[in-house]
Protein backbone atom coordinates (compact mmCIF):
# COMPACT_ATOMS: atom_id res chain seq x y z
CA MET A 1 20.16 9.12 26.04
CA ASN A 2 22.30 10.49 28.92
CA TYR A 3 20.38 13.49 30.10
CA THR A 4 16.66 13.57 31.28
CA LEU A 5 15.37 17.00 31.19
CA ASP A 6 14.32 18.37 34.74
CA ALA A 7 13.92 21.77 36.27
CA SER A 8 16.43 20.96 38.99
CA THR A 9 19.28 20.15 36.56
CA VAL A 10 18.60 22.23 33.43
CA VAL A 11 20.73 25.19 34.56
CA ASN A 12 23.84 22.94 34.76
CA TYR A 13 22.95 21.37 31.55
CA LEU A 14 22.54 24.64 29.68
CA ALA A 15 25.88 25.85 31.21
CA SER A 16 27.57 22.73 29.96
CA ARG A 17 26.43 23.66 26.39
CA SER A 18 27.77 27.22 26.91
CA LEU A 19 24.35 28.68 26.51
CA ILE A 20 24.09 30.44 29.96
CA ARG A 21 26.06 31.25 33.09
CA PRO A 22 24.44 29.84 36.19
CA LYS A 23 24.83 33.11 38.07
CA ASP A 24 22.81 34.96 35.48
CA VAL A 25 19.76 32.79 35.87
CA THR A 26 16.73 34.55 37.35
CA SER A 27 14.04 31.92 37.10
CA VAL A 28 13.34 28.29 36.19
CA GLU A 29 9.83 27.11 35.36
CA SER A 30 8.51 23.70 34.24
CA LEU A 31 5.88 24.35 31.56
CA GLY A 32 2.87 22.07 32.20
CA TRP A 33 1.00 21.99 28.79
CA GLY A 34 1.27 19.10 26.52
CA ILE A 35 1.49 15.27 27.05
CA SER A 36 4.43 14.35 24.77
CA ASN A 37 7.38 16.42 25.84
CA THR A 38 9.10 17.84 28.81
CA LEU A 39 9.55 21.66 28.61
CA VAL A 40 11.47 23.89 31.05
CA LYS A 41 11.75 27.59 30.64
CA VAL A 42 14.90 29.33 31.88
CA ALA A 43 15.34 33.14 32.16
CA THR A 44 18.37 35.13 32.74
CA HIS A 45 18.94 38.84 33.24
CA ASP A 46 18.77 39.53 29.52
CA ASP A 47 17.54 36.39 27.84
CA CYS A 48 14.89 33.66 27.90
CA MET A 49 14.92 30.14 26.47
CA VAL A 50 12.89 27.03 26.52
CA VAL A 51 14.40 23.55 26.63
CA LYS A 52 12.19 20.82 25.02
CA GLN A 53 12.75 17.06 25.18
CA SER A 54 10.56 14.50 23.49
CA LEU A 55 9.17 11.61 25.64
CA PRO A 56 9.12 7.99 24.48
CA LYS A 57 5.85 7.34 26.37
CA LEU A 58 3.12 9.95 26.55
CA ARG A 59 1.48 11.17 29.68
CA VAL A 60 -1.94 9.64 29.21
CA GLU A 61 -3.89 6.84 30.82
CA ASP A 62 -3.48 4.28 28.02
CA ASP A 63 -0.13 3.06 26.70
CA TRP A 64 0.93 5.44 23.96
CA PHE A 65 4.50 5.33 22.55
CA ALA A 66 6.19 7.46 19.92
CA ASP A 67 9.64 7.72 18.40
CA GLN A 68 11.69 10.39 20.25
CA SER A 69 13.48 11.36 17.03
CA ARG A 70 10.38 13.31 16.19
CA ILE A 71 11.97 16.28 17.99
CA PHE A 72 14.56 16.67 15.16
CA ARG A 73 11.73 16.82 12.58
CA GLU A 74 10.25 19.68 14.58
CA LYS A 75 13.55 21.60 14.46
CA VAL A 76 13.74 21.19 10.64
CA CYS A 77 10.11 22.24 10.32
CA ILE A 78 10.81 25.53 12.24
CA ASP A 79 13.86 26.15 10.08
CA ILE A 80 11.77 25.67 6.83
CA LEU A 81 8.81 27.74 7.99
CA GLY A 82 11.07 30.47 9.19
CA GLU A 83 11.80 31.15 5.52
CA ILE A 84 8.05 31.21 4.67
CA LEU A 85 6.31 32.99 7.52
CA PRO A 86 6.66 36.68 8.56
CA GLU A 87 9.22 37.39 11.19
CA GLY A 88 8.11 36.98 14.85
CA ILE A 89 5.63 34.11 14.34
CA LEU A 90 8.05 31.28 15.16
CA PRO A 91 10.65 30.55 17.85
CA THR A 92 14.39 30.58 17.07
CA ILE A 93 16.38 27.40 17.52
CA LEU A 94 19.42 28.12 19.77
CA ASP A 95 20.85 24.64 20.18
CA GLU A 96 20.13 20.96 19.27
CA ASP A 97 21.24 17.90 21.22
CA THR A 98 20.77 14.86 18.99
CA ASP A 99 22.01 12.45 21.71
CA ASN A 100 19.29 13.58 24.22
CA PHE A 101 16.42 14.14 21.92
CA LEU A 102 16.13 17.84 22.79
CA PHE A 103 16.55 21.29 21.57
CA VAL A 104 16.73 24.77 22.91
CA MET A 105 14.65 27.62 21.54
CA SER A 106 13.77 31.14 22.23
CA CYS A 107 10.74 32.05 24.44
CA ALA A 108 7.35 33.24 23.37
CA PRO A 109 6.94 37.05 23.38
CA VAL A 110 6.70 38.66 26.75
CA GLY A 111 3.09 39.32 27.81
CA GLY A 112 1.61 36.76 25.34
CA ALA A 113 -1.29 34.66 26.44
CA ASN A 114 -2.26 31.09 25.40
CA TRP A 115 -5.00 31.16 22.98
CA LYS A 116 -6.58 27.98 24.44
CA GLU A 117 -6.76 29.62 27.84
CA GLN A 118 -8.31 32.75 26.40
CA LEU A 119 -10.99 30.71 24.45
CA LEU A 120 -11.77 28.57 27.44
CA ALA A 121 -12.34 31.79 29.46
CA GLY A 122 -14.66 33.15 26.86
CA GLN A 123 -12.24 35.62 25.25
CA VAL A 124 -13.04 35.07 21.59
CA ASP A 125 -11.34 37.46 19.24
CA THR A 126 -12.37 36.92 15.61
CA ASP A 127 -9.39 38.92 14.33
CA VAL A 128 -6.95 36.37 16.02
CA ALA A 129 -8.98 33.43 14.46
CA GLU A 130 -8.66 34.99 11.02
CA LYS A 131 -4.95 35.43 11.47
CA VAL A 132 -4.57 31.89 12.63
CA GLY A 133 -6.36 30.77 9.45
CA SER A 134 -4.35 33.12 7.21
CA VAL A 135 -0.99 31.86 8.59
CA LEU A 136 -2.12 28.18 8.00
CA GLY A 137 -3.08 29.13 4.54
CA ILE A 138 0.43 30.55 3.79
CA VAL A 139 2.04 27.30 5.20
CA HIS A 140 -0.08 25.04 3.02
CA LEU A 141 0.23 27.19 -0.08
CA GLU A 142 3.92 27.88 0.12
CA THR A 143 4.82 24.18 0.71
CA ALA A 144 2.46 22.63 -1.81
CA ASP A 145 3.99 20.39 -4.48
CA SER A 146 7.53 21.05 -3.03
CA ALA A 147 9.63 18.01 -3.89
CA GLY A 148 12.35 19.09 -1.44
CA ILE A 149 10.04 19.57 1.59
CA ARG A 150 8.04 16.43 0.59
CA GLU A 151 11.33 14.41 0.68
CA GLN A 152 12.21 15.59 4.24
CA PHE A 153 8.73 15.01 5.61
CA ILE A 154 7.34 12.09 3.55
CA ASP A 155 7.79 9.67 6.50
CA ASP A 156 4.53 10.03 8.36
CA ALA A 157 5.31 7.54 11.18
CA PRO A 158 5.04 10.32 13.80
CA PHE A 159 1.63 11.29 12.44
CA VAL A 160 0.47 7.73 12.61
CA GLN A 161 1.87 7.34 16.15
CA LEU A 162 0.49 10.60 17.50
CA ARG A 163 -2.67 11.10 15.60
CA ILE A 164 -3.94 8.33 13.37
CA ASP A 165 -3.51 5.49 15.80
CA PRO A 166 -4.58 7.20 19.04
CA TYR A 167 -7.35 9.25 17.40
CA HIS A 168 -8.92 7.44 14.44
CA TRP A 169 -8.02 3.81 14.92
CA THR A 170 -8.68 3.76 18.63
CA THR A 171 -12.05 5.54 18.16
CA ALA A 172 -13.07 3.30 15.34
CA LYS A 173 -12.68 0.31 17.71
CA ALA A 174 -14.93 2.02 20.19
CA TYR A 175 -17.74 2.56 17.51
CA PRO A 176 -18.02 -0.52 15.32
CA ASP A 177 -21.00 0.99 13.49
CA LEU A 178 -18.82 4.01 12.45
CA ALA A 179 -15.53 2.07 12.11
CA LYS A 180 -15.76 1.98 8.27
CA ILE A 181 -16.36 5.71 7.95
CA ILE A 182 -13.58 6.68 10.32
CA ASN A 183 -11.11 4.30 8.74
CA VAL A 184 -11.81 5.72 5.31
CA GLU A 185 -11.22 9.18 6.60
CA ALA A 186 -8.00 8.14 8.31
CA GLN A 187 -6.77 6.52 5.08
CA ARG A 188 -7.53 9.82 3.33
CA MET A 189 -5.20 11.49 5.59
CA LEU A 190 -2.44 9.06 4.78
CA ASP A 191 -2.96 8.75 1.08
CA ILE A 192 -3.12 12.40 0.08
CA LYS A 193 0.24 14.07 0.33
CA ILE A 194 0.28 17.54 -1.10
CA ALA A 195 1.56 20.06 1.45
CA LEU A 196 3.44 20.46 4.78
CA VAL A 197 0.95 19.73 7.53
CA HIS A 198 1.55 21.05 11.10
CA GLY A 199 -0.37 18.16 12.62
CA ASP A 200 -1.12 19.87 15.98
CA TYR A 201 -2.64 23.14 14.83
CA SER A 202 -4.39 23.82 18.03
CA PRO A 203 -5.12 26.91 20.15
CA LYS A 204 -2.83 25.47 22.84
CA ASN A 205 0.01 25.92 20.45
CA VAL A 206 -0.83 29.65 19.65
CA ILE A 207 0.42 32.44 21.87
CA VAL A 208 -1.48 35.66 21.38
CA THR A 209 -0.02 39.16 21.91
CA GLY A 210 -2.62 41.85 20.97
CA LYS A 211 -3.50 40.76 17.45
CA ASP A 212 -0.17 39.02 16.76
CA ILE A 213 0.25 35.28 17.02
CA PHE A 214 3.24 32.99 17.86
CA LEU A 215 3.23 29.29 16.83
CA LEU A 216 4.58 26.30 18.78
CA ASP A 217 4.93 22.50 18.65
CA PHE A 218 5.76 21.15 15.24
CA GLU A 219 6.58 17.58 16.24
CA VAL A 220 3.71 16.01 14.29
CA ALA A 221 4.70 17.87 11.02
CA HIS A 222 4.53 15.78 7.89
CA TYR A 223 3.88 16.02 4.16
CA GLY A 224 0.27 15.15 3.89
CA ASN A 225 -3.41 16.26 3.67
CA PRO A 226 -3.98 19.94 4.62
CA VAL A 227 -7.55 18.93 5.62
CA PHE A 228 -6.22 17.55 8.86
CA ASP A 229 -5.04 20.92 10.13
CA LEU A 230 -8.19 22.60 9.21
CA ALA A 231 -10.42 20.04 10.87
CA PHE A 232 -8.17 19.94 13.90
CA LEU A 233 -8.45 23.65 14.61
CA LEU A 234 -12.07 23.79 13.82
CA ASN A 235 -12.78 20.93 16.25
CA HIS A 236 -11.27 22.85 19.14
CA LEU A 237 -13.36 25.95 18.40
CA LEU A 238 -16.61 23.95 18.22
CA LEU A 239 -15.86 21.94 21.34
CA LYS A 240 -15.47 25.20 23.28
CA ALA A 241 -18.75 26.36 21.87
CA ILE A 242 -20.33 23.21 23.32
CA LEU A 243 -18.57 23.81 26.63
CA ASN A 244 -19.50 27.61 26.86
CA VAL A 245 -23.07 27.46 25.55
CA HIS A 246 -23.99 30.80 26.70
CA ILE A 247 -21.58 32.44 24.21
CA LYS A 248 -21.67 29.81 21.41
CA GLN A 249 -22.22 32.45 18.88
CA SER A 250 -18.81 33.93 19.54
CA TYR A 251 -17.21 30.69 18.76
CA PHE A 252 -19.34 30.25 15.65
CA GLU A 253 -18.02 33.63 14.45
CA ALA A 254 -14.48 32.50 15.24
CA VAL A 255 -15.14 29.43 12.99
CA ALA A 256 -16.20 31.59 10.10
CA ALA A 257 -13.27 33.98 10.63
CA PHE A 258 -10.76 31.20 10.64
CA TRP A 259 -12.21 29.66 7.42
CA LYS A 260 -12.28 33.17 5.84
CA GLY A 261 -8.61 33.78 6.69
CA TYR A 262 -7.53 30.35 5.37
CA THR A 263 -9.47 30.11 2.20
CA LEU A 264 -7.29 29.72 -0.85
CA GLU A 265 -8.38 30.47 -4.43
CA SER A 266 -6.55 27.32 -5.44
CA ALA A 267 -8.25 25.08 -2.98
CA PRO A 268 -9.98 21.96 -4.45
CA VAL A 269 -13.77 21.95 -4.59
CA SER A 270 -13.88 19.13 -2.15
CA LEU A 271 -11.87 20.85 0.63
CA GLU A 272 -14.78 22.02 2.73
CA LYS A 273 -16.57 18.63 2.46
CA ASP A 274 -13.56 16.65 3.29
CA THR A 275 -12.76 19.08 6.24
CA VAL A 276 -16.23 18.54 7.59
CA LYS A 277 -15.88 14.66 7.48
CA GLN A 278 -12.57 14.77 9.18
CA LEU A 279 -14.09 17.13 11.77
CA GLY A 280 -16.58 14.46 12.74
CA CYS A 281 -13.88 11.96 13.26
CA LEU A 282 -11.68 14.19 15.41
CA MET A 283 -14.75 15.43 17.52
CA LEU A 284 -15.57 11.90 18.42
CA ALA A 285 -11.87 11.06 19.05
CA ARG A 286 -11.59 13.89 21.64
CA ILE A 287 -14.00 12.08 23.87
CA SER A 288 -13.13 8.36 22.96
CA GLY A 289 -9.63 8.33 21.81
CA LYS A 290 -6.39 8.15 23.70
CA SER A 291 -6.21 11.92 24.13
CA PRO A 292 -9.61 13.14 25.33
CA ALA A 293 -10.27 16.90 25.70
CA GLU A 294 -9.86 17.50 29.44
CA TYR A 295 -12.44 20.16 29.60
CA ILE A 296 -15.14 18.01 28.08
CA ALA A 297 -15.61 16.20 31.41
CA LYS A 298 -19.35 15.89 32.22
CA ALA A 299 -21.22 12.91 31.00
CA GLU A 300 -23.92 15.03 29.57
CA THR A 301 -21.53 17.14 27.57
CA LYS A 302 -19.74 14.04 26.21
CA ALA A 303 -23.21 12.77 25.19
CA ILE A 304 -23.85 15.97 23.20
CA VAL A 305 -20.42 15.82 21.58
CA ARG A 306 -20.88 12.22 20.65
CA ASN A 307 -24.23 12.83 18.93
CA ILE A 308 -23.07 15.83 17.08
CA ALA A 309 -20.05 13.90 15.77
CA ARG A 310 -22.28 10.96 14.72
CA SER A 311 -24.63 13.31 12.89
CA ILE A 312 -21.70 14.81 11.08
CA LEU A 313 -20.36 11.44 10.02
CA LEU A 314 -23.65 9.86 9.19
CA ASP A 315 -25.74 12.74 7.67
CA ASP A 316 -23.22 13.59 4.93
CA LEU A 317 -22.87 17.27 5.77
CA ALA A 318 -20.92 19.21 3.22
CA THR A 319 -20.46 22.65 4.60
CA LEU A 320 -19.18 24.38 7.78
CA SER A 321 -22.29 26.30 7.93
CA GLU A 322 -24.28 23.16 8.06
CA VAL A 323 -22.14 21.85 10.95
CA VAL A 324 -22.58 25.24 12.84
CA ASP A 325 -26.41 25.00 12.25
CA LEU A 326 -26.32 21.42 13.69
CA VAL A 327 -24.25 22.35 16.73
CA ASP A 328 -26.56 25.35 17.32
CA SER A 329 -29.63 23.28 17.06
CA VAL A 330 -28.30 20.66 19.43
CA LEU A 331 -27.26 23.24 22.05
CA SER A 332 -30.59 24.91 21.75
CA TRP A 333 -32.40 21.70 22.78
CA PRO A 334 -29.83 19.28 24.27
CA GLY A 335 -32.35 17.23 26.26
CA TYR A 336 -33.53 15.52 23.16
CA PHE A 337 -30.02 14.38 22.15
CA LEU A 338 -29.21 13.36 25.80
CA ARG A 339 -32.21 10.85 25.59
CA GLU A 340 -30.72 9.51 22.44
CA SER A 341 -27.24 9.16 23.76
CA VAL A 342 -25.48 5.86 24.14
């Protein structure tokens, strides 16, 4: 690798690729979200682009390494989804630099807001949640049983490096009494390969403009188990309900709207139960894995999350309504669960 992406050098880099003229640049901004890439936004008088470079070591406290070539998988994923999803939902790839593990893409729509920031601020729009679910349903449905897409994304090494190892396997080591359950669920994510899975279907990767959405960050894309995407997104909604207890019902409604938007007539009977089990694993991972949710910071809140996750995994819940009822009951009387926390 000859070039390390940096806000101070990106203009000259883009000029060397004949993508801009330095005199036309109006702003350069380092984008701070995410732990696995460097992103720099460059605006000119009449255009806007983001340069993204994958990191070999992620920005977390523990050692966490990943193959930088995952950036190229992301580019291919965007190309494929561009033929499946409605126009305006994805960035356009403007340039790819295989020597330096980076690509250049178009910016998100002007005036868009990050969905994670909206949710954390208590702005919960069920229409947006339903659309996020419906778009995911299209991705899974349209890529199901596709031999061509399967061949391109069958290598799940990035998924193992960025999800299974830091989330499931790390968490299993922290909870020996739950290790068997967590490892079984991890293996289910690896054994079942039926559709293209985003792998990071999270509110932080959704830009909202009115009722429209724009998707980002496909580096963990792989051909695998759609349950992971469902549980990953639902986990984020429920964690925010636990954080913002006073408006928990709004997040519960978003959970229902997301599921309604996604639901496929062809979905297997076991989909909801499998999603619930995976949700329990991911919830526990966001306080005990290598990538903890930064907004679940207080010891009391972590204890509540821990006990909810343990109940999901041990009590054999089968439906999302049962999970929501559990979360609601815990948040209505958290003191009991805090006394039981470990």
